[in-house]
């Protein structure tokens, strides 16, 4: 299909949605077929849909099923399983600096071997917006300090990263990731090695940033109760190498957790101040429980 025809497909769909005030998933999947599931064109389609006051309603074919058919021309089916996309574009095709403007990475907090101040650590998050030999400008420093204020660690300005607590350092690393102004945060066990209070501070910061800044967070955690508390979807990796993905409360069920960890687990919901929390209680190793030990 010629690019002009594809533009017409997208324009027609948008105009139809504006006229009706809504689009069905069947409308969209029909358009995807006409676009030949071309990744670039699909990305344009969703970019144009974004921000439009058009309701998307379920009807007919599953939109997720059709997105799975995206044209991966030139890729073997096995290779396609290893592909990762951001905004419909293979990350291998995104220039390095542009990729890290979209994604902010937060590692586990570990003691720094370098005597960075907290502002110097956070300003490193601006690297994706700077050239190879460019130095941060006044605006970059202002953004770094604003990120610190935004997550409540403005009081750490001027302190060395080697002189603050593990929880405070974790928050500094989150501020560093935010300094890139990303649309996605990837966090590797951000609450590990922290006490209860600092775990809650980190988790509440992640939840608030997603809500207020409309960003997505991918959080790797060993705490099922934390995932049940702040996430909408979960990917569960089992000891057998299999995976489960879907709504968090469906994936992190007693049955799935028992199987994944080899531990007998019970889940206990607790409602407090109009919010439901789930307590995860590991009772014992599955094989011992089955033997009655």
C-alpha atoms as a PDB file:
ATOM      1  CA  UNK A   1       0.000   0.000   0.000  1.00  0.00           C
ATOM      2  CA  UNK A   2       1.355   3.450  -0.903  1.00  0.00           C
ATOM      3  CA  UNK A   3       2.221   5.807   1.966  1.00  0.00           C
ATOM      4  CA  UNK A   4      -0.408   8.297   0.726  1.00  0.00           C
ATOM      5  CA  UNK A   5      -3.097   5.615   1.008  1.00  0.00           C
ATOM      6  CA  UNK A   6      -1.931   4.794   4.536  1.00  0.00           C
ATOM      7  CA  UNK A   7      -2.163   8.467   5.512  1.00  0.00           C
ATOM      8  CA  UNK A   8      -5.736   8.475   4.193  1.00  0.00           C
ATOM      9  CA  UNK A   9      -6.587   5.425   6.307  1.00  0.00           C
ATOM     10  CA  UNK A  10      -5.325   7.163   9.450  1.00  0.00           C
ATOM     11  CA  UNK A  11      -7.040  10.480   8.625  1.00  0.00           C
ATOM     12  CA  UNK A  12     -10.340   8.742   7.874  1.00  0.00           C
ATOM     13  CA  UNK A  13     -10.229   6.831  11.142  1.00  0.00           C
ATOM     14  CA  UNK A  14      -9.512   9.960  13.188  1.00  0.00           C
ATOM     15  CA  UNK A  15     -12.266  11.941  11.474  1.00  0.00           C
ATOM     16  CA  UNK A  16     -14.718   9.083  11.984  1.00  0.00           C
ATOM     17  CA  UNK A  17     -13.840   8.958  15.669  1.00  0.00           C
ATOM     18  CA  UNK A  18     -14.294  12.710  16.044  1.00  0.00           C
ATOM     19  CA  UNK A  19     -17.669  12.571  14.323  1.00  0.00           C
ATOM     20  CA  UNK A  20     -18.989   9.748  16.513  1.00  0.00           C
ATOM     21  CA  UNK A  21     -17.104  10.694  19.666  1.00  0.00           C
ATOM     22  CA  UNK A  22     -15.876   7.124  19.896  1.00  0.00           C
ATOM     23  CA  UNK A  23     -14.145   4.319  18.033  1.00  0.00           C
ATOM     24  CA  UNK A  24     -14.641   0.599  18.484  1.00  0.00           C
ATOM     25  CA  UNK A  25     -11.721  -1.771  18.668  1.00  0.00           C
ATOM     26  CA  UNK A  26     -13.070  -3.265  15.437  1.00  0.00           C
ATOM     27  CA  UNK A  27     -12.701   0.151  13.739  1.00  0.00           C
ATOM     28  CA  UNK A  28      -9.062   0.213  14.819  1.00  0.00           C
ATOM     29  CA  UNK A  29      -8.259  -3.397  13.908  1.00  0.00           C
ATOM     30  CA  UNK A  30      -9.826  -2.899  10.467  1.00  0.00           C
ATOM     31  CA  UNK A  31      -7.533   0.106  10.015  1.00  0.00           C
ATOM     32  CA  UNK A  32      -4.539  -1.949  11.162  1.00  0.00           C
ATOM     33  CA  UNK A  33      -5.294  -4.490   8.444  1.00  0.00           C
ATOM     34  CA  UNK A  34      -5.396  -1.730   5.838  1.00  0.00           C
ATOM     35  CA  UNK A  35      -2.082  -0.449   7.189  1.00  0.00           C
ATOM     36  CA  UNK A  36      -0.628  -3.955   6.704  1.00  0.00           C
ATOM     37  CA  UNK A  37       0.359  -3.904  10.396  1.00  0.00           C
ATOM     38  CA  UNK A  38       3.279  -1.669   9.474  1.00  0.00           C
ATOM     39  CA  UNK A  39       4.971  -0.689  12.775  1.00  0.00           C
ATOM     40  CA  UNK A  40       5.786   2.868  11.684  1.00  0.00           C
ATOM     41  CA  UNK A  41       2.234   3.536  10.495  1.00  0.00           C
ATOM     42  CA  UNK A  42       0.697   1.978  13.607  1.00  0.00           C
ATOM     43  CA  UNK A  43       2.887   4.264  15.730  1.00  0.00           C
ATOM     44  CA  UNK A  44       1.598   7.260  13.758  1.00  0.00           C
ATOM     45  CA  UNK A  45      -1.962   6.047  14.256  1.00  0.00           C
ATOM     46  CA  UNK A  46      -1.627   5.880  18.028  1.00  0.00           C
ATOM     47  CA  UNK A  47       0.268   9.158  18.150  1.00  0.00           C
ATOM     48  CA  UNK A  48      -2.684  10.832  16.400  1.00  0.00           C
ATOM     49  CA  UNK A  49      -5.223   9.075  18.621  1.00  0.00           C
ATOM     50  CA  UNK A  50      -3.355  10.236  21.721  1.00  0.00           C
ATOM     51  CA  UNK A  51      -4.823  13.403  23.112  1.00  0.00           C
ATOM     52  CA  UNK A  52      -8.002  13.158  21.015  1.00  0.00           C
ATOM     53  CA  UNK A  53     -11.262  13.159  22.959  1.00  0.00           C
ATOM     54  CA  UNK A  54     -12.295   9.827  21.437  1.00  0.00           C
ATOM     55  CA  UNK A  55     -13.571   6.945  23.531  1.00  0.00           C
ATOM     56  CA  UNK A  56     -12.263   3.480  22.627  1.00  0.00           C
ATOM     57  CA  UNK A  57     -14.888   0.770  23.181  1.00  0.00           C
ATOM     58  CA  UNK A  58     -14.502  -3.017  22.971  1.00  0.00           C
ATOM     59  CA  UNK A  59     -16.245  -4.548  19.985  1.00  0.00           C
ATOM     60  CA  UNK A  60     -15.543  -7.476  17.710  1.00  0.00           C
ATOM     61  CA  UNK A  61     -11.964  -8.671  17.340  1.00  0.00           C
ATOM     62  CA  UNK A  62      -9.435  -8.284  20.128  1.00  0.00           C
ATOM     63  CA  UNK A  63      -7.137  -5.323  19.629  1.00  0.00           C
ATOM     64  CA  UNK A  64      -4.345  -7.093  21.526  1.00  0.00           C
ATOM     65  CA  UNK A  65      -4.569 -10.075  19.167  1.00  0.00           C
ATOM     66  CA  UNK A  66      -4.225  -7.804  16.156  1.00  0.00           C
ATOM     67  CA  UNK A  67      -1.299  -5.891  17.615  1.00  0.00           C
ATOM     68  CA  UNK A  68       0.449  -9.250  17.952  1.00  0.00           C
ATOM     69  CA  UNK A  69       0.380  -9.446  14.135  1.00  0.00           C
ATOM     70  CA  UNK A  70       2.505  -6.327  13.664  1.00  0.00           C
ATOM     71  CA  UNK A  71       4.656  -6.718  10.558  1.00  0.00           C
ATOM     72  CA  UNK A  72       8.180  -7.730  11.618  1.00  0.00           C
ATOM     73  CA  UNK A  73       9.464  -7.829   8.049  1.00  0.00           C
ATOM     74  CA  UNK A  74      12.951  -9.270   7.749  1.00  0.00           C
ATOM     75  CA  UNK A  75      12.813 -10.909  11.189  1.00  0.00           C
ATOM     76  CA  UNK A  76      12.568 -14.658  11.781  1.00  0.00           C
ATOM     77  CA  UNK A  77       9.727 -15.626  14.076  1.00  0.00           C
ATOM     78  CA  UNK A  78      12.182 -16.795  16.779  1.00  0.00           C
ATOM     79  CA  UNK A  79      14.168 -13.565  16.539  1.00  0.00           C
ATOM     80  CA  UNK A  80      10.944 -11.581  16.769  1.00  0.00           C
ATOM     81  CA  UNK A  81      10.417 -12.935  20.289  1.00  0.00           C
ATOM     82  CA  UNK A  82      13.538 -11.053  21.387  1.00  0.00           C
ATOM     83  CA  UNK A  83      12.415  -7.700  19.983  1.00  0.00           C
ATOM     84  CA  UNK A  84      11.455  -4.820  22.240  1.00  0.00           C
ATOM     85  CA  UNK A  85       9.444  -1.804  21.123  1.00  0.00           C
ATOM     86  CA  UNK A  86       8.975   1.700  22.526  1.00  0.00           C
ATOM     87  CA  UNK A  87       6.097   3.670  20.998  1.00  0.00           C
ATOM     88  CA  UNK A  88       5.890   1.049  18.258  1.00  0.00           C
ATOM     89  CA  UNK A  89       9.568   1.354  17.272  1.00  0.00           C
ATOM     90  CA  UNK A  90      12.166  -1.389  17.716  1.00  0.00           C
ATOM     91  CA  UNK A  91      14.627  -0.108  20.326  1.00  0.00           C
ATOM     92  CA  UNK A  92      17.472  -1.253  18.070  1.00  0.00           C
ATOM     93  CA  UNK A  93      16.375   1.433  15.625  1.00  0.00           C
ATOM     94  CA  UNK A  94      16.211   4.251  18.186  1.00  0.00           C
ATOM     95  CA  UNK A  95      19.374   6.392  18.563  1.00  0.00           C
ATOM     96  CA  UNK A  96      21.023   5.863  21.936  1.00  0.00           C
ATOM     97  CA  UNK A  97      20.386   9.347  23.327  1.00  0.00           C
ATOM     98  CA  UNK A  98      16.751   9.346  22.158  1.00  0.00           C
ATOM     99  CA  UNK A  99      16.121   5.968  23.785  1.00  0.00           C
ATOM    100  CA  UNK A 100      17.411   7.174  27.159  1.00  0.00           C
ATOM    101  CA  UNK A 101      15.301  10.306  26.884  1.00  0.00           C
ATOM    102  CA  UNK A 102      12.290   7.975  26.829  1.00  0.00           C
ATOM    103  CA  UNK A 103      13.469   5.494  29.485  1.00  0.00           C
ATOM    104  CA  UNK A 104      14.751   6.311  32.968  1.00  0.00           C
ATOM    105  CA  UNK A 105      16.608   3.468  34.708  1.00  0.00           C
ATOM    106  CA  UNK A 106      16.820   3.173  38.493  1.00  0.00           C
ATOM    107  CA  UNK A 107      19.301   0.545  39.777  1.00  0.00           C
ATOM    108  CA  UNK A 108      19.483  -0.819  43.305  1.00  0.00           C
ATOM    109  CA  UNK A 109      21.035   1.705  45.656  1.00  0.00           C
ATOM    110  CA  UNK A 110      24.605   0.766  46.538  1.00  0.00           C
ATOM    111  CA  UNK A 111      27.326   2.728  48.256  1.00  0.00           C
ATOM    112  CA  UNK A 112      29.100   4.965  45.751  1.00  0.00           C
ATOM    113  CA  UNK A 113      32.851   4.715  45.355  1.00  0.00           C
ATOM    114  CA  UNK A 114      32.907   8.304  44.101  1.00  0.00           C
ATOM    115  CA  UNK A 115      32.357  11.393  46.204  1.00  0.00           C
ATOM    116  CA  UNK A 116      29.425  12.750  44.206  1.00  0.00           C
ATOM    117  CA  UNK A 117      27.144  15.298  45.767  1.00  0.00           C
ATOM    118  CA  UNK A 118      23.445  14.539  45.462  1.00  0.00           C
ATOM    119  CA  UNK A 119      23.008  17.251  42.782  1.00  0.00           C
ATOM    120  CA  UNK A 120      25.944  15.858  40.807  1.00  0.00           C
ATOM    121  CA  UNK A 121      24.396  12.384  40.923  1.00  0.00           C
ATOM    122  CA  UNK A 122      21.020  13.674  39.733  1.00  0.00           C
ATOM    123  CA  UNK A 123      22.529  15.806  36.938  1.00  0.00           C
ATOM    124  CA  UNK A 124      23.897  12.602  35.404  1.00  0.00           C
ATOM    125  CA  UNK A 125      20.317  11.925  34.362  1.00  0.00           C
ATOM    126  CA  UNK A 126      20.589  14.831  31.915  1.00  0.00           C
ATOM    127  CA  UNK A 127      23.312  13.060  29.885  1.00  0.00           C
ATOM    128  CA  UNK A 128      20.824  11.873  27.265  1.00  0.00           C
ATOM    129  CA  UNK A 129      19.998  15.512  26.493  1.00  0.00           C
ATOM    130  CA  UNK A 130      23.636  16.598  26.264  1.00  0.00           C
ATOM    131  CA  UNK A 131      26.203  16.069  23.528  1.00  0.00           C
ATOM    132  CA  UNK A 132      29.270  13.927  24.130  1.00  0.00           C
ATOM    133  CA  UNK A 133      31.480  16.825  25.220  1.00  0.00           C
ATOM    134  CA  UNK A 134      28.816  19.256  26.446  1.00  0.00           C
ATOM    135  CA  UNK A 135      28.681  20.411  30.038  1.00  0.00           C
ATOM    136  CA  UNK A 136      25.379  20.838  31.909  1.00  0.00           C
ATOM    137  CA  UNK A 137      24.001  24.360  31.653  1.00  0.00           C
ATOM    138  CA  UNK A 138      22.089  26.386  34.212  1.00  0.00           C
ATOM    139  CA  UNK A 139      18.787  24.974  32.913  1.00  0.00           C
ATOM    140  CA  UNK A 140      20.026  21.400  33.419  1.00  0.00           C
ATOM    141  CA  UNK A 141      20.964  22.125  37.034  1.00  0.00           C
ATOM    142  CA  UNK A 142      17.557  23.733  37.595  1.00  0.00           C
ATOM    143  CA  UNK A 143      15.834  20.617  36.233  1.00  0.00           C
ATOM    144  CA  UNK A 144      17.947  18.370  38.473  1.00  0.00           C
ATOM    145  CA  UNK A 145      17.088  20.398  41.572  1.00  0.00           C
ATOM    146  CA  UNK A 146      13.407  20.504  40.585  1.00  0.00           C
ATOM    147  CA  UNK A 147      13.382  16.690  40.362  1.00  0.00           C
ATOM    148  CA  UNK A 148      14.815  16.475  43.865  1.00  0.00           C
ATOM    149  CA  UNK A 149      12.149  18.832  45.186  1.00  0.00           C
ATOM    150  CA  UNK A 150       9.428  16.932  43.339  1.00  0.00           C
ATOM    151  CA  UNK A 151      10.103  13.690  45.208  1.00  0.00           C
ATOM    152  CA  UNK A 152      10.730  15.381  48.540  1.00  0.00           C
ATOM    153  CA  UNK A 153      14.514  15.240  48.883  1.00  0.00           C
ATOM    154  CA  UNK A 154      15.357  18.909  48.442  1.00  0.00           C
ATOM    155  CA  UNK A 155      16.823  18.807  51.948  1.00  0.00           C
ATOM    156  CA  UNK A 156      19.622  16.560  50.635  1.00  0.00           C
ATOM    157  CA  UNK A 157      21.093  19.272  48.396  1.00  0.00           C
ATOM    158  CA  UNK A 158      24.776  19.775  49.108  1.00  0.00           C
ATOM    159  CA  UNK A 159      25.231  16.420  50.826  1.00  0.00           C
ATOM    160  CA  UNK A 160      27.550  13.683  49.579  1.00  0.00           C
ATOM    161  CA  UNK A 161      25.927  10.451  48.367  1.00  0.00           C
ATOM    162  CA  UNK A 162      28.340   8.533  50.615  1.00  0.00           C
ATOM    163  CA  UNK A 163      26.965  10.372  53.665  1.00  0.00           C
ATOM    164  CA  UNK A 164      23.239   9.658  53.261  1.00  0.00           C
ATOM    165  CA  UNK A 165      21.102   6.614  54.102  1.00  0.00           C
ATOM    166  CA  UNK A 166      20.232   3.789  51.710  1.00  0.00           C
ATOM    167  CA  UNK A 167      16.641   4.994  51.422  1.00  0.00           C
ATOM    168  CA  UNK A 168      17.763   8.539  50.672  1.00  0.00           C
ATOM    169  CA  UNK A 169      20.221   7.286  48.058  1.00  0.00           C
ATOM    170  CA  UNK A 170      17.440   5.288  46.387  1.00  0.00           C
ATOM    171  CA  UNK A 171      15.357   8.460  46.136  1.00  0.00           C
ATOM    172  CA  UNK A 172      18.352  10.321  44.667  1.00  0.00           C
ATOM    173  CA  UNK A 173      18.599   7.623  41.973  1.00  0.00           C
ATOM    174  CA  UNK A 174      14.898   8.011  41.195  1.00  0.00           C
ATOM    175  CA  UNK A 175      15.420  11.777  40.867  1.00  0.00           C
ATOM    176  CA  UNK A 176      18.355  11.069  38.517  1.00  0.00           C
ATOM    177  CA  UNK A 177      16.105   8.969  36.281  1.00  0.00           C
ATOM    178  CA  UNK A 178      13.404  11.664  36.326  1.00  0.00           C
ATOM    179  CA  UNK A 179      15.925  14.295  35.207  1.00  0.00           C
ATOM    180  CA  UNK A 180      15.814  12.774  31.704  1.00  0.00           C
ATOM    181  CA  UNK A 181      12.048  13.553  31.619  1.00  0.00           C
ATOM    182  CA  UNK A 182      11.252   9.961  30.551  1.00  0.00           C
ATOM    183  CA  UNK A 183       7.901   8.420  29.691  1.00  0.00           C
ATOM    184  CA  UNK A 184       8.962   5.062  31.192  1.00  0.00           C
ATOM    185  CA  UNK A 185      10.733   4.282  34.467  1.00  0.00           C
ATOM    186  CA  UNK A 186      12.479   0.915  34.868  1.00  0.00           C
ATOM    187  CA  UNK A 187      13.336   0.145  38.497  1.00  0.00           C
ATOM    188  CA  UNK A 188      15.418  -2.809  39.673  1.00  0.00           C
ATOM    189  CA  UNK A 189      14.311  -3.877  43.168  1.00  0.00           C
ATOM    190  CA  UNK A 190      14.011  -0.270  44.370  1.00  0.00           C
ATOM    191  CA  UNK A 191      12.799  -1.302  47.830  1.00  0.00           C
ATOM    192  CA  UNK A 192      15.427  -3.985  48.536  1.00  0.00           C
ATOM    193  CA  UNK A 193      17.651  -3.614  51.618  1.00  0.00           C
ATOM    194  CA  UNK A 194      15.407  -0.875  53.034  1.00  0.00           C
ATOM    195  CA  UNK A 195      13.420  -0.805  56.260  1.00  0.00           C
ATOM    196  CA  UNK A 196       9.601  -0.624  56.280  1.00  0.00           C
ATOM    197  CA  UNK A 197       9.474   3.151  56.370  1.00  0.00           C
ATOM    198  CA  UNK A 198      11.884   3.671  53.485  1.00  0.00           C
ATOM    199  CA  UNK A 199      10.186   0.939  51.448  1.00  0.00           C
ATOM    200  CA  UNK A 200       6.902   2.816  51.783  1.00  0.00           C
ATOM    201  CA  UNK A 201       8.533   6.135  50.883  1.00  0.00           C
ATOM    202  CA  UNK A 202       9.962   4.636  47.682  1.00  0.00           C
ATOM    203  CA  UNK A 203       6.749   2.798  46.721  1.00  0.00           C
ATOM    204  CA  UNK A 204       4.566   5.845  47.361  1.00  0.00           C
ATOM    205  CA  UNK A 205       6.932   7.987  45.291  1.00  0.00           C
ATOM    206  CA  UNK A 206       6.685   5.555  42.344  1.00  0.00           C
ATOM    207  CA  UNK A 207       2.902   5.389  42.588  1.00  0.00           C
ATOM    208  CA  UNK A 208       2.545   9.179  42.802  1.00  0.00           C
ATOM    209  CA  UNK A 209       4.913   9.853  39.894  1.00  0.00           C
ATOM    210  CA  UNK A 210       2.957   7.485  37.655  1.00  0.00           C
ATOM    211  CA  UNK A 211      -0.319   9.107  38.645  1.00  0.00           C
ATOM    212  CA  UNK A 212       0.746  12.751  38.469  1.00  0.00           C
ATOM    213  CA  UNK A 213       3.251  12.664  35.584  1.00  0.00           C
ATOM    214  CA  UNK A 214       1.391  10.015  33.545  1.00  0.00           C
ATOM    215  CA  UNK A 215       4.471   7.854  33.126  1.00  0.00           C
ATOM    216  CA  UNK A 216       4.717   4.072  33.161  1.00  0.00           C
ATOM    217  CA  UNK A 217       6.854   2.160  35.653  1.00  0.00           C
ATOM    218  CA  UNK A 218       8.300  -1.304  35.235  1.00  0.00           C
ATOM    219  CA  UNK A 219       9.314  -2.495  38.708  1.00  0.00           C
ATOM    220  CA  UNK A 220      11.321  -5.654  39.358  1.00  0.00           C
ATOM    221  CA  UNK A 221      10.528  -6.860  42.877  1.00  0.00           C
ATOM    222  CA  UNK A 222      10.748  -9.905  45.149  1.00  0.00           C
ATOM    223  CA  UNK A 223       7.818  -8.640  47.226  1.00  0.00           C
ATOM    224  CA  UNK A 224       4.419  -9.814  45.860  1.00  0.00           C
ATOM    225  CA  UNK A 225       2.585  -7.565  48.327  1.00  0.00           C
ATOM    226  CA  UNK A 226       4.306  -4.508  46.846  1.00  0.00           C
ATOM    227  CA  UNK A 227       3.209  -5.459  43.341  1.00  0.00           C
ATOM    228  CA  UNK A 228      -0.331  -6.050  44.609  1.00  0.00           C
ATOM    229  CA  UNK A 229      -0.243  -2.629  46.248  1.00  0.00           C
ATOM    230  CA  UNK A 230       0.888  -0.371  43.397  1.00  0.00           C
ATOM    231  CA  UNK A 231       0.672  -2.178  40.052  1.00  0.00           C
ATOM    232  CA  UNK A 232      -2.120  -2.756  37.565  1.00  0.00           C
ATOM    233  CA  UNK A 233      -0.412  -5.585  35.662  1.00  0.00           C
ATOM    234  CA  UNK A 234       2.153  -8.175  36.676  1.00  0.00           C
ATOM    235  CA  UNK A 235       4.623 -10.484  34.954  1.00  0.00           C
ATOM    236  CA  UNK A 236       5.401 -13.518  37.121  1.00  0.00           C
ATOM    237  CA  UNK A 237       8.554 -15.506  36.363  1.00  0.00           C
ATOM    238  CA  UNK A 238       8.501 -19.072  37.661  1.00  0.00           C
ATOM    239  CA  UNK A 239      11.343 -21.406  38.637  1.00  0.00           C
ATOM    240  CA  UNK A 240      10.421 -23.576  35.637  1.00  0.00           C
ATOM    241  CA  UNK A 241      11.192 -20.794  33.159  1.00  0.00           C
ATOM    242  CA  UNK A 242       7.532 -20.112  32.346  1.00  0.00           C
ATOM    243  CA  UNK A 243       5.830 -16.724  32.621  1.00  0.00           C
ATOM    244  CA  UNK A 244       2.382 -15.420  33.467  1.00  0.00           C
ATOM    245  CA  UNK A 245       1.192 -11.928  32.531  1.00  0.00           C
ATOM    246  CA  UNK A 246      -2.040 -10.079  33.161  1.00  0.00           C
ATOM    247  CA  UNK A 247      -3.972  -8.093  35.787  1.00  0.00           C
ATOM    248  CA  UNK A 248      -2.008  -8.154  39.036  1.00  0.00           C
ATOM    249  CA  UNK A 249      -4.771  -9.568  41.231  1.00  0.00           C
ATOM    250  CA  UNK A 250      -5.266 -12.450  38.780  1.00  0.00           C
ATOM    251  CA  UNK A 251      -1.593 -13.259  38.256  1.00  0.00           C
ATOM    252  CA  UNK A 252      -0.466 -12.963  41.886  1.00  0.00           C
ATOM    253  CA  UNK A 253      -3.029 -15.426  43.216  1.00  0.00           C
ATOM    254  CA  UNK A 254      -2.379 -18.002  45.928  1.00  0.00           C
ATOM    255  CA  UNK A 255      -2.295 -20.768  43.310  1.00  0.00           C
ATOM    256  CA  UNK A 256       0.213 -18.989  41.057  1.00  0.00           C
ATOM    257  CA  UNK A 257       2.468 -17.894  43.939  1.00  0.00           C
ATOM    258  CA  UNK A 258       2.453 -21.422  45.385  1.00  0.00           C
ATOM    259  CA  UNK A 259       3.573 -22.791  42.036  1.00  0.00           C
ATOM    260  CA  UNK A 260       6.100 -20.071  41.207  1.00  0.00           C
ATOM    261  CA  UNK A 261       7.946 -20.056  44.541  1.00  0.00           C
ATOM    262  CA  UNK A 262       7.405 -23.604  45.747  1.00  0.00           C
ATOM    263  CA  UNK A 263       5.990 -22.110  48.940  1.00  0.00           C
ATOM    264  CA  UNK A 264       2.506 -22.497  50.396  1.00  0.00           C
ATOM    265  CA  UNK A 265       1.061 -18.990  50.486  1.00  0.00           C
ATOM    266  CA  UNK A 266      -2.082 -17.360  51.836  1.00  0.00           C
ATOM    267  CA  UNK A 267      -3.393 -13.937  50.809  1.00  0.00           C
ATOM    268  CA  UNK A 268      -5.348 -11.839  53.305  1.00  0.00           C
ATOM    269  CA  UNK A 269      -7.041  -8.611  52.136  1.00  0.00           C
ATOM    270  CA  UNK A 270      -7.283  -5.719  54.578  1.00  0.00           C
ATOM    271  CA  UNK A 271      -9.414  -2.638  53.910  1.00  0.00           C
ATOM    272  CA  UNK A 272      -8.333   0.545  55.670  1.00  0.00           C
ATOM    273  CA  UNK A 273      -9.310   4.161  54.894  1.00  0.00           C
ATOM    274  CA  UNK A 274     -11.156   3.165  51.703  1.00  0.00           C
ATOM    275  CA  UNK A 275      -8.163   1.263  50.298  1.00  0.00           C
ATOM    276  CA  UNK A 276      -7.638  -2.498  50.191  1.00  0.00           C
ATOM    277  CA  UNK A 277      -4.209  -3.921  50.980  1.00  0.00           C
ATOM    278  CA  UNK A 278      -3.196  -7.553  50.502  1.00  0.00           C
ATOM    279  CA  UNK A 279      -1.028  -9.289  53.082  1.00  0.00           C
ATOM    280  CA  UNK A 280       1.065 -12.136  51.633  1.00  0.00           C
ATOM    281  CA  UNK A 281       1.822 -14.814  54.230  1.00  0.00           C
ATOM    282  CA  UNK A 282       4.300 -17.580  53.276  1.00  0.00           C
ATOM    283  CA  UNK A 283       3.436 -20.591  55.461  1.00  0.00           C
ATOM    284  CA  UNK A 284       6.293 -22.910  54.578  1.00  0.00           C
ATOM    285  CA  UNK A 285       8.135 -24.768  51.839  1.00  0.00           C
ATOM    286  CA  UNK A 286       5.621 -26.572  49.655  1.00  0.00           C
ATOM    287  CA  UNK A 287       7.324 -29.973  49.763  1.00  0.00           C
ATOM    288  CA  UNK A 288       7.532 -29.917  53.559  1.00  0.00           C
ATOM    289  CA  UNK A 289       3.939 -28.767  53.954  1.00  0.00           C
ATOM    290  CA  UNK A 290       2.765 -31.606  51.692  1.00  0.00           C
ATOM    291  CA  UNK A 291       4.711 -34.129  53.826  1.00  0.00           C
ATOM    292  CA  UNK A 292       3.145 -32.661  56.933  1.00  0.00           C
ATOM    293  CA  UNK A 293       6.546 -31.687  58.337  1.00  0.00           C
END
